[in-house]
Structure formats: structure tokens, C-alpha cells
Amino acid sequence: MKRNMDLVRSILLAIEESKTGYAPRDLRIEGYTEEQIGYHIYIMKEGGLVNGTDVTTMDDNGPTAVATSMTWTGHEFLDAARESERWKEAKSLLDKVGGAALGVWQTVLTKLVLKNLGM
């Protein structure tokens, strides 16, 4: 399964909306399957964006996890990615090179924030 950064952003936004700091128990993102969401939480956990639990069983088609909360790194990424126009601009730039590592996404988004600040 290919990593989908729009889904990563949507998961972080959904967790941020929680008033308790915990991820919603039944996290659903319109347009995505449970398998896609579970896999993305799994890799987001590996990437340090969320805390969670690996719930993969032998009956699953692939690795899956359940998010419990967002990490500091997840908050940092979301702070840079939250604004829709900035997100679209970063996606447009990175689509030209066929995608990029999470650190590159963070760098591009941070540079766009600085650009908006006139720096």
C-alpha cells in the first residue's frame, strides 16, 4: 500500500479535534477504508507522529494499528500542514519529484510557513 500524505494529515486533524487528547476510538476518515487507516496509523506510529498499539492479527491483510494520541512530532508536523493552501502548495511541489520522505515534507512546509511570515 502506498503512503498517502493526505490521509496522514486527515488522521492528525481528527486526533487533534479530540477534547481529551486521546484519539477517537472509532477513527473514520471519509473516502478511506479501515485497512488504509489502520495501515497509515501503523506507519505513523513507526514514524513518530502518533502513539498507538499494533493490533495486527494473522487474519489481517497487512499491518494495522490503533492510534491512542498524537506525539510532539505529530503536533509539529500538523502545525506546519494545517493550513489548506500551504498544504496544497507543498503537495504540488513534492508531486513534481514523485513524493518525499517525512523530513522533506516537514522542511518544505516549514519553509512555506517562513515564506508566509516574510522571512
PDB file of N, CA and C in Angstrom:
ATOM      1  N   MET A   1       0.851  -1.183   0.000  1.00  0.00           N
ATOM      2  CA  MET A   1       0.000   0.000   0.000  1.00  0.00           C
ATOM      3  C   MET A   1       0.889   1.235   0.000  1.00  0.00           C
ATOM      4  N   LYS A   2       0.559   2.181  -0.844  1.00  0.00           N
ATOM      5  CA  LYS A   2       1.328   3.413  -0.950  1.00  0.00           C
ATOM      6  C   LYS A   2       0.931   4.385   0.168  1.00  0.00           C
ATOM      7  N   ARG A   3       1.924   5.054   0.726  1.00  0.00           N
ATOM      8  CA  ARG A   3       1.649   6.057   1.760  1.00  0.00           C
ATOM      9  C   ARG A   3       0.905   7.223   1.139  1.00  0.00           C
ATOM     10  N   ASN A   4      -0.135   7.675   1.827  1.00  0.00           N
ATOM     11  CA  ASN A   4      -0.964   8.772   1.347  1.00  0.00           C
ATOM     12  C   ASN A   4      -0.871   9.904   2.365  1.00  0.00           C
ATOM     13  N   MET A   5      -0.156  10.962   1.997  1.00  0.00           N
ATOM     14  CA  MET A   5       0.065  12.055   2.939  1.00  0.00           C
ATOM     15  C   MET A   5      -1.207  12.833   3.244  1.00  0.00           C
ATOM     16  N   ASP A   6      -2.178  12.833   2.330  1.00  0.00           N
ATOM     17  CA  ASP A   6      -3.470  13.460   2.650  1.00  0.00           C
ATOM     18  C   ASP A   6      -4.147  12.702   3.787  1.00  0.00           C
ATOM     19  N   LEU A   7      -4.048  11.380   3.771  1.00  0.00           N
ATOM     20  CA  LEU A   7      -4.632  10.576   4.849  1.00  0.00           C
ATOM     21  C   LEU A   7      -3.872  10.799   6.149  1.00  0.00           C
ATOM     22  N   VAL A   8      -2.564  10.881   6.082  1.00  0.00           N
ATOM     23  CA  VAL A   8      -1.758  11.167   7.280  1.00  0.00           C
ATOM     24  C   VAL A   8      -2.231  12.473   7.911  1.00  0.00           C
ATOM     25  N   ARG A   9      -2.362  13.499   7.105  1.00  0.00           N
ATOM     26  CA  ARG A   9      -2.822  14.808   7.598  1.00  0.00           C
ATOM     27  C   ARG A   9      -4.226  14.710   8.179  1.00  0.00           C
ATOM     28  N   SER A  10      -5.119  13.994   7.500  1.00  0.00           N
ATOM     29  CA  SER A  10      -6.505  13.855   7.981  1.00  0.00           C
ATOM     30  C   SER A  10      -6.568  13.121   9.315  1.00  0.00           C
ATOM     31  N   ILE A  11      -5.743  12.104   9.487  1.00  0.00           N
ATOM     32  CA  ILE A  11      -5.711  11.371  10.759  1.00  0.00           C
ATOM     33  C   ILE A  11      -5.246  12.298  11.878  1.00  0.00           C
ATOM     34  N   LEU A  12      -4.191  13.066  11.612  1.00  0.00           N
ATOM     35  CA  LEU A  12      -3.701  14.004  12.633  1.00  0.00           C
ATOM     36  C   LEU A  12      -4.755  15.055  12.974  1.00  0.00           C
ATOM     37  N   LEU A  13      -5.439  15.565  11.972  1.00  0.00           N
ATOM     38  CA  LEU A  13      -6.503  16.546  12.228  1.00  0.00           C
ATOM     39  C   LEU A  13      -7.614  15.935  13.066  1.00  0.00           C
ATOM     40  N   ALA A  14      -7.978  14.691  12.796  1.00  0.00           N
ATOM     41  CA  ALA A  14      -9.039  14.016  13.561  1.00  0.00           C
ATOM     42  C   ALA A  14      -8.624  13.813  15.012  1.00  0.00           C
ATOM     43  N   ILE A  15      -7.369  13.449  15.227  1.00  0.00           N
ATOM     44  CA  ILE A  15      -6.890  13.259  16.604  1.00  0.00           C
ATOM     45  C   ILE A  15      -6.862  14.597  17.331  1.00  0.00           C
ATOM     46  N   GLU A  16      -6.425  15.644  16.638  1.00  0.00           N
ATOM     47  CA  GLU A  16      -6.343  16.970  17.253  1.00  0.00           C
ATOM     48  C   GLU A  16      -7.717  17.473  17.705  1.00  0.00           C
ATOM     49  N   GLU A  17      -8.762  17.100  16.981  1.00  0.00           N
ATOM     50  CA  GLU A  17     -10.116  17.547  17.326  1.00  0.00           C
ATOM     51  C   GLU A  17     -10.614  16.980  18.648  1.00  0.00           C
ATOM     52  N   SER A  18     -10.009  15.908  19.111  1.00  0.00           N
ATOM     53  CA  SER A  18     -10.421  15.294  20.369  1.00  0.00           C
ATOM     54  C   SER A  18     -10.186  16.255  21.531  1.00  0.00           C
ATOM     55  N   LYS A  19     -11.166  16.402  22.369  1.00  0.00           N
ATOM     56  CA  LYS A  19     -11.062  17.317  23.511  1.00  0.00           C
ATOM     57  C   LYS A  19     -10.241  16.722  24.659  1.00  0.00           C
ATOM     58  N   THR A  20     -10.017  15.401  24.635  1.00  0.00           N
ATOM     59  CA  THR A  20      -9.293  14.733  25.723  1.00  0.00           C
ATOM     60  C   THR A  20      -7.819  14.541  25.437  1.00  0.00           C
ATOM     61  N   GLY A  21      -7.403  14.681  24.175  1.00  0.00           N
ATOM     62  CA  GLY A  21      -6.029  14.389  23.804  1.00  0.00           C
ATOM     63  C   GLY A  21      -5.849  12.961  23.312  1.00  0.00           C
ATOM     64  N   TYR A  22      -6.849  12.131  23.578  1.00  0.00           N
ATOM     65  CA  TYR A  22      -6.819  10.762  23.059  1.00  0.00           C
ATOM     66  C   TYR A  22      -7.438  10.729  21.672  1.00  0.00           C
ATOM     67  N   ALA A  23      -6.942   9.820  20.847  1.00  0.00           N
ATOM     68  CA  ALA A  23      -7.516   9.638  19.519  1.00  0.00           C
ATOM     69  C   ALA A  23      -8.921   9.081  19.646  1.00  0.00           C
ATOM     70  N   PRO A  24      -9.807   9.428  18.716  1.00  0.00           N
ATOM     71  CA  PRO A  24     -11.153   8.838  18.742  1.00  0.00           C
ATOM     72  C   PRO A  24     -11.057   7.317  18.668  1.00  0.00           C
ATOM     73  N   ARG A  25     -11.899   6.634  19.451  1.00  0.00           N
ATOM     74  CA  ARG A  25     -11.857   5.164  19.480  1.00  0.00           C
ATOM     75  C   ARG A  25     -12.201   4.565  18.131  1.00  0.00           C
ATOM     76  N   ASP A  26     -13.153   5.146  17.439  1.00  0.00           N
ATOM     77  CA  ASP A  26     -13.612   4.613  16.167  1.00  0.00           C
ATOM     78  C   ASP A  26     -13.257   5.618  15.071  1.00  0.00           C
ATOM     79  N   LEU A  27     -11.978   5.739  14.799  1.00  0.00           N
ATOM     80  CA  LEU A  27     -11.493   6.740  13.856  1.00  0.00           C
ATOM     81  C   LEU A  27     -11.881   6.377  12.433  1.00  0.00           C
ATOM     82  N   ARG A  28     -12.672   7.228  11.812  1.00  0.00           N
ATOM     83  CA  ARG A  28     -13.100   7.046  10.426  1.00  0.00           C
ATOM     84  C   ARG A  28     -12.747   8.309   9.656  1.00  0.00           C
ATOM     85  N   ILE A  29     -12.255   8.119   8.446  1.00  0.00           N
ATOM     86  CA  ILE A  29     -11.935   9.231   7.566  1.00  0.00           C
ATOM     87  C   ILE A  29     -12.683   8.963   6.267  1.00  0.00           C
ATOM     88  N   GLU A  30     -13.554   9.882   5.894  1.00  0.00           N
ATOM     89  CA  GLU A  30     -14.365   9.702   4.687  1.00  0.00           C
ATOM     90  C   GLU A  30     -13.478   9.472   3.463  1.00  0.00           C
ATOM     91  N   GLY A  31     -13.843   8.468   2.686  1.00  0.00           N
ATOM     92  CA  GLY A  31     -13.124   8.158   1.463  1.00  0.00           C
ATOM     93  C   GLY A  31     -12.013   7.137   1.629  1.00  0.00           C
ATOM     94  N   TYR A  32     -11.790   6.662   2.866  1.00  0.00           N
ATOM     95  CA  TYR A  32     -10.718   5.699   3.121  1.00  0.00           C
ATOM     96  C   TYR A  32     -11.279   4.486   3.851  1.00  0.00           C
ATOM     97  N   THR A  33     -10.707   3.320   3.554  1.00  0.00           N
ATOM     98  CA  THR A  33     -11.144   2.080   4.199  1.00  0.00           C
ATOM     99  C   THR A  33     -10.491   1.935   5.573  1.00  0.00           C
ATOM    100  N   GLU A  34     -11.045   1.030   6.370  1.00  0.00           N
ATOM    101  CA  GLU A  34     -10.442   0.725   7.680  1.00  0.00           C
ATOM    102  C   GLU A  34      -9.011   0.226   7.505  1.00  0.00           C
ATOM    103  N   GLU A  35      -8.777  -0.562   6.454  1.00  0.00           N
ATOM    104  CA  GLU A  35      -7.435  -1.090   6.200  1.00  0.00           C
ATOM    105  C   GLU A  35      -6.449   0.031   5.896  1.00  0.00           C
ATOM    106  N   GLN A  36      -6.868   0.992   5.085  1.00  0.00           N
ATOM    107  CA  GLN A  36      -5.991   2.120   4.760  1.00  0.00           C
ATOM    108  C   GLN A  36      -5.676   2.938   6.009  1.00  0.00           C
ATOM    109  N   ILE A  37      -6.690   3.195   6.804  1.00  0.00           N
ATOM    110  CA  ILE A  37      -6.495   3.978   8.028  1.00  0.00           C
ATOM    111  C   ILE A  37      -5.599   3.219   9.005  1.00  0.00           C
ATOM    112  N   GLY A  38      -5.879   1.940   9.215  1.00  0.00           N
ATOM    113  CA  GLY A  38      -5.078   1.131  10.132  1.00  0.00           C
ATOM    114  C   GLY A  38      -3.629   1.039   9.715  1.00  0.00           C
ATOM    115  N   TYR A  39      -3.395   0.875   8.412  1.00  0.00           N
ATOM    116  CA  TYR A  39      -2.018   0.810   7.912  1.00  0.00           C
ATOM    117  C   TYR A  39      -1.309   2.145   8.103  1.00  0.00           C
ATOM    118  N   HIS A  40      -2.002   3.239   7.798  1.00  0.00           N
ATOM    119  CA  HIS A  40      -1.371   4.545   7.939  1.00  0.00           C
ATOM    120  C   HIS A  40      -1.080   4.867   9.405  1.00  0.00           C
ATOM    121  N   ILE A  41      -1.947   4.481  10.299  1.00  0.00           N
ATOM    122  CA  ILE A  41      -1.646   4.669  11.722  1.00  0.00           C
ATOM    123  C   ILE A  41      -0.426   3.834  12.103  1.00  0.00           C
ATOM    124  N   TYR A  42      -0.340   2.628  11.560  1.00  0.00           N
ATOM    125  CA  TYR A  42       0.811   1.753  11.812  1.00  0.00           C
ATOM    126  C   TYR A  42       2.113   2.448  11.400  1.00  0.00           C
ATOM    127  N   ILE A  43       2.149   2.999  10.183  1.00  0.00           N
ATOM    128  CA  ILE A  43       3.390   3.641   9.738  1.00  0.00           C
ATOM    129  C   ILE A  43       3.599   5.005  10.407  1.00  0.00           C
ATOM    130  N   MET A  44       2.511   5.675  10.786  1.00  0.00           N
ATOM    131  CA  MET A  44       2.646   6.937  11.512  1.00  0.00           C
ATOM    132  C   MET A  44       3.236   6.687  12.896  1.00  0.00           C
ATOM    133  N   LYS A  45       2.872   5.556  13.496  1.00  0.00           N
ATOM    134  CA  LYS A  45       3.444   5.151  14.783  1.00  0.00           C
ATOM    135  C   LYS A  45       4.939   4.902  14.613  1.00  0.00           C
ATOM    136  N   GLU A  46       5.310   4.188  13.559  1.00  0.00           N
ATOM    137  CA  GLU A  46       6.731   3.946  13.280  1.00  0.00           C
ATOM    138  C   GLU A  46       7.485   5.248  13.035  1.00  0.00           C
ATOM    139  N   GLY A  47       6.822   6.211  12.384  1.00  0.00           N
ATOM    140  CA  GLY A  47       7.448   7.494  12.064  1.00  0.00           C
ATOM    141  C   GLY A  47       7.434   8.498  13.191  1.00  0.00           C
ATOM    142  N   GLY A  48       6.832   8.142  14.321  1.00  0.00           N
ATOM    143  CA  GLY A  48       6.842   9.016  15.487  1.00  0.00           C
ATOM    144  C   GLY A  48       5.785  10.107  15.484  1.00  0.00           C
ATOM    145  N   LEU A  49       4.781  10.006  14.608  1.00  0.00           N
ATOM    146  CA  LEU A  49       3.721  11.019  14.570  1.00  0.00           C
ATOM    147  C   LEU A  49       2.615  10.753  15.579  1.00  0.00           C
ATOM    148  N   VAL A  50       2.378   9.479  15.871  1.00  0.00           N
ATOM    149  CA  VAL A  50       1.325   9.116  16.819  1.00  0.00           C
ATOM    150  C   VAL A  50       1.833   8.033  17.768  1.00  0.00           C
ATOM    151  N   ASN A  51       1.191   7.963  18.921  1.00  0.00           N
ATOM    152  CA  ASN A  51       1.333   6.824  19.813  1.00  0.00           C
ATOM    153  C   ASN A  51       0.194   5.883  19.477  1.00  0.00           C
ATOM    154  N   GLY A  52       0.407   4.606  19.645  1.00  0.00           N
ATOM    155  CA  GLY A  52      -0.650   3.669  19.331  1.00  0.00           C
ATOM    156  C   GLY A  52      -0.253   2.243  19.644  1.00  0.00           C
ATOM    157  N   THR A  53      -1.152   1.353  19.258  1.00  0.00           N
ATOM    158  CA  THR A  53      -0.957  -0.060  19.520  1.00  0.00           C
ATOM    159  C   THR A  53      -1.068  -0.844  18.226  1.00  0.00           C
ATOM    160  N   ASP A  54      -0.097  -1.708  17.993  1.00  0.00           N
ATOM    161  CA  ASP A  54      -0.142  -2.617  16.848  1.00  0.00           C
ATOM    162  C   ASP A  54      -1.211  -3.661  17.156  1.00  0.00           C
ATOM    163  N   VAL A  55      -2.228  -3.734  16.313  1.00  0.00           N
ATOM    164  CA  VAL A  55      -3.320  -4.688  16.524  1.00  0.00           C
ATOM    165  C   VAL A  55      -3.396  -5.701  15.372  1.00  0.00           C
ATOM    166  N   THR A  56      -2.277  -5.864  14.668  1.00  0.00           N
ATOM    167  CA  THR A  56      -2.228  -6.791  13.539  1.00  0.00           C
ATOM    168  C   THR A  56      -2.466  -8.222  14.025  1.00  0.00           C
ATOM    169  N   THR A  57      -3.337  -8.933  13.315  1.00  0.00           N
ATOM    170  CA  THR A  57      -3.567 -10.349  13.593  1.00  0.00           C
ATOM    171  C   THR A  57      -3.237 -11.149  12.340  1.00  0.00           C
ATOM    172  N   MET A  58      -3.209 -12.453  12.480  1.00  0.00           N
ATOM    173  CA  MET A  58      -2.907 -13.317  11.328  1.00  0.00           C
ATOM    174  C   MET A  58      -3.997 -13.235  10.270  1.00  0.00           C
ATOM    175  N   ASP A  59      -5.193 -12.794  10.638  1.00  0.00           N
ATOM    176  CA  ASP A  59      -6.293 -12.675   9.686  1.00  0.00           C
ATOM    177  C   ASP A  59      -6.270 -11.373   8.896  1.00  0.00           C
ATOM    178  N   ASP A  60      -5.422 -10.418   9.302  1.00  0.00           N
ATOM    179  CA  ASP A  60      -5.354  -9.132   8.611  1.00  0.00           C
ATOM    180  C   ASP A  60      -4.615  -9.266   7.289  1.00  0.00           C
ATOM    181  N   ASN A  61      -4.980  -8.409   6.347  1.00  0.00           N
ATOM    182  CA  ASN A  61      -4.318  -8.389   5.045  1.00  0.00           C
ATOM    183  C   ASN A  61      -2.978  -7.663   5.094  1.00  0.00           C
ATOM    184  N   GLY A  62      -2.729  -6.917   6.128  1.00  0.00           N
ATOM    185  CA  GLY A  62      -1.484  -6.169   6.269  1.00  0.00           C
ATOM    186  C   GLY A  62      -1.371  -5.634   7.681  1.00  0.00           C
ATOM    187  N   PRO A  63      -0.267  -4.962   7.978  1.00  0.00           N
ATOM    188  CA  PRO A  63      -0.097  -4.407   9.318  1.00  0.00           C
ATOM    189  C   PRO A  63      -1.147  -3.342   9.612  1.00  0.00           C
ATOM    190  N   THR A  64      -1.582  -3.295  10.856  1.00  0.00           N
ATOM    191  CA  THR A  64      -2.593  -2.310  11.254  1.00  0.00           C
ATOM    192  C   THR A  64      -2.368  -1.903  12.706  1.00  0.00           C
ATOM    193  N   ALA A  65      -2.729  -0.687  13.014  1.00  0.00           N
ATOM    194  CA  ALA A  65      -2.571  -0.177  14.375  1.00  0.00           C
ATOM    195  C   ALA A  65      -3.736   0.743  14.709  1.00  0.00           C
ATOM    196  N   VAL A  66      -3.886   0.988  16.000  1.00  0.00           N
ATOM    197  CA  VAL A  66      -4.896   1.905  16.514  1.00  0.00           C
ATOM    198  C   VAL A  66      -4.148   3.035  17.215  1.00  0.00           C
ATOM    199  N   ALA A  67      -4.474   4.275  16.863  1.00  0.00           N
ATOM    200  CA  ALA A  67      -3.827   5.437  17.480  1.00  0.00           C
ATOM    201  C   ALA A  67      -4.418   5.687  18.859  1.00  0.00           C
ATOM    202  N   THR A  68      -3.556   6.101  19.784  1.00  0.00           N
ATOM    203  CA  THR A  68      -4.041   6.496  21.104  1.00  0.00           C
ATOM    204  C   THR A  68      -3.927   8.003  21.314  1.00  0.00           C
ATOM    205  N   SER A  69      -2.879   8.612  20.732  1.00  0.00           N
ATOM    206  CA  SER A  69      -2.676  10.057  20.872  1.00  0.00           C
ATOM    207  C   SER A  69      -1.655  10.521  19.839  1.00  0.00           C
ATOM    208  N   MET A  70      -1.505  11.824  19.758  1.00  0.00           N
ATOM    209  CA  MET A  70      -0.524  12.415  18.849  1.00  0.00           C
ATOM    210  C   MET A  70       0.746  12.732  19.641  1.00  0.00           C
ATOM    211  N   THR A  71       1.889  12.551  19.024  1.00  0.00           N
ATOM    212  CA  THR A  71       3.163  12.878  19.660  1.00  0.00           C
ATOM    213  C   THR A  71       3.504  14.350  19.442  1.00  0.00           C
ATOM    214  N   TRP A  72       4.560  14.795  20.090  1.00  0.00           N
ATOM    215  CA  TRP A  72       5.063  16.157  19.866  1.00  0.00           C
ATOM    216  C   TRP A  72       5.403  16.344  18.384  1.00  0.00           C
ATOM    217  N   THR A  73       6.051  15.343  17.794  1.00  0.00           N
ATOM    218  CA  THR A  73       6.408  15.400  16.371  1.00  0.00           C
ATOM    219  C   THR A  73       5.164  15.491  15.501  1.00  0.00           C
ATOM    220  N   GLY A  74       4.119  14.764  15.872  1.00  0.00           N
ATOM    221  CA  GLY A  74       2.862  14.839  15.141  1.00  0.00           C
ATOM    222  C   GLY A  74       2.258  16.229  15.201  1.00  0.00           C
ATOM    223  N   HIS A  75       2.305  16.835  16.375  1.00  0.00           N
ATOM    224  CA  HIS A  75       1.804  18.212  16.528  1.00  0.00           C
ATOM    225  C   HIS A  75       2.634  19.182  15.694  1.00  0.00           C
ATOM    226  N   GLU A  76       3.949  19.010  15.701  1.00  0.00           N
ATOM    227  CA  GLU A  76       4.823  19.883  14.919  1.00  0.00           C
ATOM    228  C   GLU A  76       4.504  19.780  13.428  1.00  0.00           C
ATOM    229  N   PHE A  77       4.334  18.546  12.944  1.00  0.00           N
ATOM    230  CA  PHE A  77       4.007  18.347  11.538  1.00  0.00           C
ATOM    231  C   PHE A  77       2.658  18.986  11.214  1.00  0.00           C
ATOM    232  N   LEU A  78       1.666  18.746  12.065  1.00  0.00           N
ATOM    233  CA  LEU A  78       0.335  19.277  11.814  1.00  0.00           C
ATOM    234  C   LEU A  78       0.307  20.799  11.872  1.00  0.00           C
ATOM    235  N   ASP A  79       1.071  21.389  12.780  1.00  0.00           N
ATOM    236  CA  ASP A  79       1.122  22.853  12.824  1.00  0.00           C
ATOM    237  C   ASP A  79       1.586  23.426  11.490  1.00  0.00           C
ATOM    238  N   ALA A  80       2.527  22.752  10.851  1.00  0.00           N
ATOM    239  CA  ALA A  80       3.014  23.218   9.554  1.00  0.00           C
ATOM    240  C   ALA A  80       2.055  22.869   8.422  1.00  0.00           C
ATOM    241  N   ALA A  81       1.297  21.762   8.577  1.00  0.00           N
ATOM    242  CA  ALA A  81       0.452  21.240   7.495  1.00  0.00           C
ATOM    243  C   ALA A  81      -1.017  21.650   7.589  1.00  0.00           C
ATOM    244  N   ARG A  82      -1.424  22.260   8.672  1.00  0.00           N
ATOM    245  CA  ARG A  82      -2.841  22.513   8.934  1.00  0.00           C
ATOM    246  C   ARG A  82      -3.511  23.392   7.871  1.00  0.00           C
ATOM    247  N   GLU A  83      -2.887  24.484   7.502  1.00  0.00           N
ATOM    248  CA  GLU A  83      -3.496  25.451   6.596  1.00  0.00           C
ATOM    249  C   GLU A  83      -3.606  24.855   5.191  1.00  0.00           C
ATOM    250  N   SER A  84      -4.821  24.846   4.643  1.00  0.00           N
ATOM    251  CA  SER A  84      -5.121  24.147   3.381  1.00  0.00           C
ATOM    252  C   SER A  84      -4.298  24.631   2.197  1.00  0.00           C
ATOM    253  N   GLU A  85      -4.169  25.931   2.037  1.00  0.00           N
ATOM    254  CA  GLU A  85      -3.421  26.444   0.879  1.00  0.00           C
ATOM    255  C   GLU A  85      -1.945  26.084   0.973  1.00  0.00           C
ATOM    256  N   ARG A  86      -1.376  26.142   2.168  1.00  0.00           N
ATOM    257  CA  ARG A  86       0.017  25.754   2.359  1.00  0.00           C
ATOM    258  C   ARG A  86       0.192  24.268   2.050  1.00  0.00           C
ATOM    259  N   TRP A  87      -0.773  23.457   2.503  1.00  0.00           N
ATOM    260  CA  TRP A  87      -0.727  22.022   2.248  1.00  0.00           C
ATOM    261  C   TRP A  87      -0.761  21.747   0.735  1.00  0.00           C
ATOM    262  N   LYS A  88      -1.660  22.425   0.037  1.00  0.00           N
ATOM    263  CA  LYS A  88      -1.764  22.231  -1.417  1.00  0.00           C
ATOM    264  C   LYS A  88      -0.469  22.644  -2.120  1.00  0.00           C
ATOM    265  N   GLU A  89       0.128  23.730  -1.678  1.00  0.00           N
ATOM    266  CA  GLU A  89       1.372  24.184  -2.295  1.00  0.00           C
ATOM    267  C   GLU A  89       2.502  23.181  -2.059  1.00  0.00           C
ATOM    268  N   ALA A  90       2.606  22.680  -0.846  1.00  0.00           N
ATOM    269  CA  ALA A  90       3.636  21.679  -0.540  1.00  0.00           C
ATOM    270  C   ALA A  90       3.417  20.411  -1.366  1.00  0.00           C
ATOM    271  N   LYS A  91       2.165  19.965  -1.456  1.00  0.00           N
ATOM    272  CA  LYS A  91       1.854  18.779  -2.251  1.00  0.00           C
ATOM    273  C   LYS A  91       2.235  18.984  -3.704  1.00  0.00           C
ATOM    274  N   SER A  92       1.918  20.141  -4.244  1.00  0.00           N
ATOM    275  CA  SER A  92       2.232  20.442  -5.631  1.00  0.00           C
ATOM    276  C   SER A  92       3.736  20.394  -5.877  1.00  0.00           C
ATOM    277  N   LEU A  93       4.489  20.978  -4.981  1.00  0.00           N
ATOM    278  CA  LEU A  93       5.948  20.971  -5.114  1.00  0.00           C
ATOM    279  C   LEU A  93       6.503  19.551  -5.035  1.00  0.00           C
ATOM    280  N   LEU A  94       6.027  18.774  -4.075  1.00  0.00           N
ATOM    281  CA  LEU A  94       6.569  17.430  -3.856  1.00  0.00           C
ATOM    282  C   LEU A  94       6.057  16.420  -4.868  1.00  0.00           C
ATOM    283  N   ASP A  95       4.894  16.666  -5.443  1.00  0.00           N
ATOM    284  CA  ASP A  95       4.394  15.782  -6.508  1.00  0.00           C
ATOM    285  C   ASP A  95       5.296  15.839  -7.737  1.00  0.00           C
ATOM    286  N   LYS A  96       5.949  16.975  -7.943  1.00  0.00           N
ATOM    287  CA  LYS A  96       6.851  17.134  -9.092  1.00  0.00           C
ATOM    288  C   LYS A  96       8.036  16.183  -9.026  1.00  0.00           C
ATOM    289  N   VAL A  97       8.411  15.792  -7.812  1.00  0.00           N
ATOM    290  CA  VAL A  97       9.547  14.879  -7.648  1.00  0.00           C
ATOM    291  C   VAL A  97       9.086  13.458  -7.309  1.00  0.00           C
ATOM    292  N   GLY A  98       7.792  13.238  -7.320  1.00  0.00           N
ATOM    293  CA  GLY A  98       7.259  11.895  -7.103  1.00  0.00           C
ATOM    294  C   GLY A  98       7.123  11.488  -5.649  1.00  0.00           C
ATOM    295  N   GLY A  99       7.106  12.448  -4.758  1.00  0.00           N
ATOM    296  CA  GLY A  99       6.963  12.142  -3.334  1.00  0.00           C
ATOM    297  C   GLY A  99       8.260  12.411  -2.598  1.00  0.00           C
ATOM    298  N   ALA A 100       8.201  12.325  -1.277  1.00  0.00           N
ATOM    299  CA  ALA A 100       9.383  12.630  -0.477  1.00  0.00           C
ATOM    300  C   ALA A 100       9.253  12.045   0.916  1.00  0.00           C
ATOM    301  N   ALA A 101      10.387  11.951   1.586  1.00  0.00           N
ATOM    302  CA  ALA A 101      10.437  11.476   2.965  1.00  0.00           C
ATOM    303  C   ALA A 101       9.727  12.466   3.891  1.00  0.00           C
ATOM    304  N   LEU A 102       9.317  11.991   5.038  1.00  0.00           N
ATOM    305  CA  LEU A 102       8.619  12.827   6.010  1.00  0.00           C
ATOM    306  C   LEU A 102       9.438  14.066   6.376  1.00  0.00           C
ATOM    307  N   GLY A 103      10.730  13.910   6.537  1.00  0.00           N
ATOM    308  CA  GLY A 103      11.585  15.049   6.861  1.00  0.00           C
ATOM    309  C   GLY A 103      11.585  16.112   5.780  1.00  0.00           C
ATOM    310  N   VAL A 104      11.495  15.687   4.532  1.00  0.00           N
ATOM    311  CA  VAL A 104      11.426  16.643   3.421  1.00  0.00           C
ATOM    312  C   VAL A 104      10.095  17.373   3.448  1.00  0.00           C
ATOM    313  N   TRP A 105       9.017  16.632   3.711  1.00  0.00           N
ATOM    314  CA  TRP A 105       7.701  17.280   3.859  1.00  0.00           C
ATOM    315  C   TRP A 105       7.778  18.355   4.938  1.00  0.00           C
ATOM    316  N   GLN A 106       8.360  18.013   6.071  1.00  0.00           N
ATOM    317  CA  GLN A 106       8.453  18.959   7.186  1.00  0.00           C
ATOM    318  C   GLN A 106       9.269  20.178   6.776  1.00  0.00           C
ATOM    319  N   THR A 107      10.366  19.967   6.065  1.00  0.00           N
ATOM    320  CA  THR A 107      11.211  21.073   5.621  1.00  0.00           C
ATOM    321  C   THR A 107      10.468  21.981   4.655  1.00  0.00           C
ATOM    322  N   VAL A 108       9.803  21.387   3.667  1.00  0.00           N
ATOM    323  CA  VAL A 108       9.052  22.186   2.684  1.00  0.00           C
ATOM    324  C   VAL A 108       7.951  22.982   3.379  1.00  0.00           C
ATOM    325  N   LEU A 109       7.197  22.324   4.241  1.00  0.00           N
ATOM    326  CA  LEU A 109       6.117  23.021   4.954  1.00  0.00           C
ATOM    327  C   LEU A 109       6.662  24.140   5.833  1.00  0.00           C
ATOM    328  N   THR A 110       7.770  23.890   6.516  1.00  0.00           N
ATOM    329  CA  THR A 110       8.375  24.911   7.369  1.00  0.00           C
ATOM    330  C   THR A 110       8.849  26.099   6.541  1.00  0.00           C
ATOM    331  N   LYS A 111       9.446  25.825   5.381  1.00  0.00           N
ATOM    332  CA  LYS A 111       9.893  26.928   4.509  1.00  0.00           C
ATOM    333  C   LYS A 111       8.703  27.744   4.008  1.00  0.00           C
ATOM    334  N   LEU A 112       7.589  27.076   3.741  1.00  0.00           N
ATOM    335  CA  LEU A 112       6.388  27.807   3.318  1.00  0.00           C
ATOM    336  C   LEU A 112       5.835  28.658   4.462  1.00  0.00           C
ATOM    337  N   VAL A 113       5.907  28.168   5.690  1.00  0.00           N
ATOM    338  CA  VAL A 113       5.494  28.963   6.845  1.00  0.00           C
ATOM    339  C   VAL A 113       6.371  30.211   6.939  1.00  0.00           C
ATOM    340  N   LEU A 114       7.671  30.011   6.841  1.00  0.00           N
ATOM    341  CA  LEU A 114       8.611  31.137   6.930  1.00  0.00           C
ATOM    342  C   LEU A 114       8.374  32.147   5.794  1.00  0.00           C
ATOM    343  N   LYS A 115       8.094  31.619   4.609  1.00  0.00           N
ATOM    344  CA  LYS A 115       7.797  32.489   3.454  1.00  0.00           C
ATOM    345  C   LYS A 115       6.560  33.339   3.748  1.00  0.00           C
ATOM    346  N   ASN A 116       5.532  32.730   4.329  1.00  0.00           N
ATOM    347  CA  ASN A 116       4.299  33.465   4.674  1.00  0.00           C
ATOM    348  C   ASN A 116       4.555  34.516   5.733  1.00  0.00           C
ATOM    349  N   LEU A 117       5.588  34.286   6.551  1.00  0.00           N
ATOM    350  CA  LEU A 117       5.948  35.267   7.578  1.00  0.00           C
ATOM    351  C   LEU A 117       6.870  36.357   7.018  1.00  0.00           C
ATOM    352  N   GLY A 118       7.232  36.219   5.744  1.00  0.00           N
ATOM    353  CA  GLY A 118       8.132  37.210   5.141  1.00  0.00           C
ATOM    354  C   GLY A 118       9.566  37.012   5.503  1.00  0.00           C
ATOM    355  N   MET A 119       9.923  35.820   5.874  1.00  0.00           N
ATOM    356  CA  MET A 119      11.317  35.531   6.285  1.00  0.00           C
ATOM    357  C   MET A 119      12.057  34.769   5.212  1.00  0.00           C
TER     358      MET A 119
END
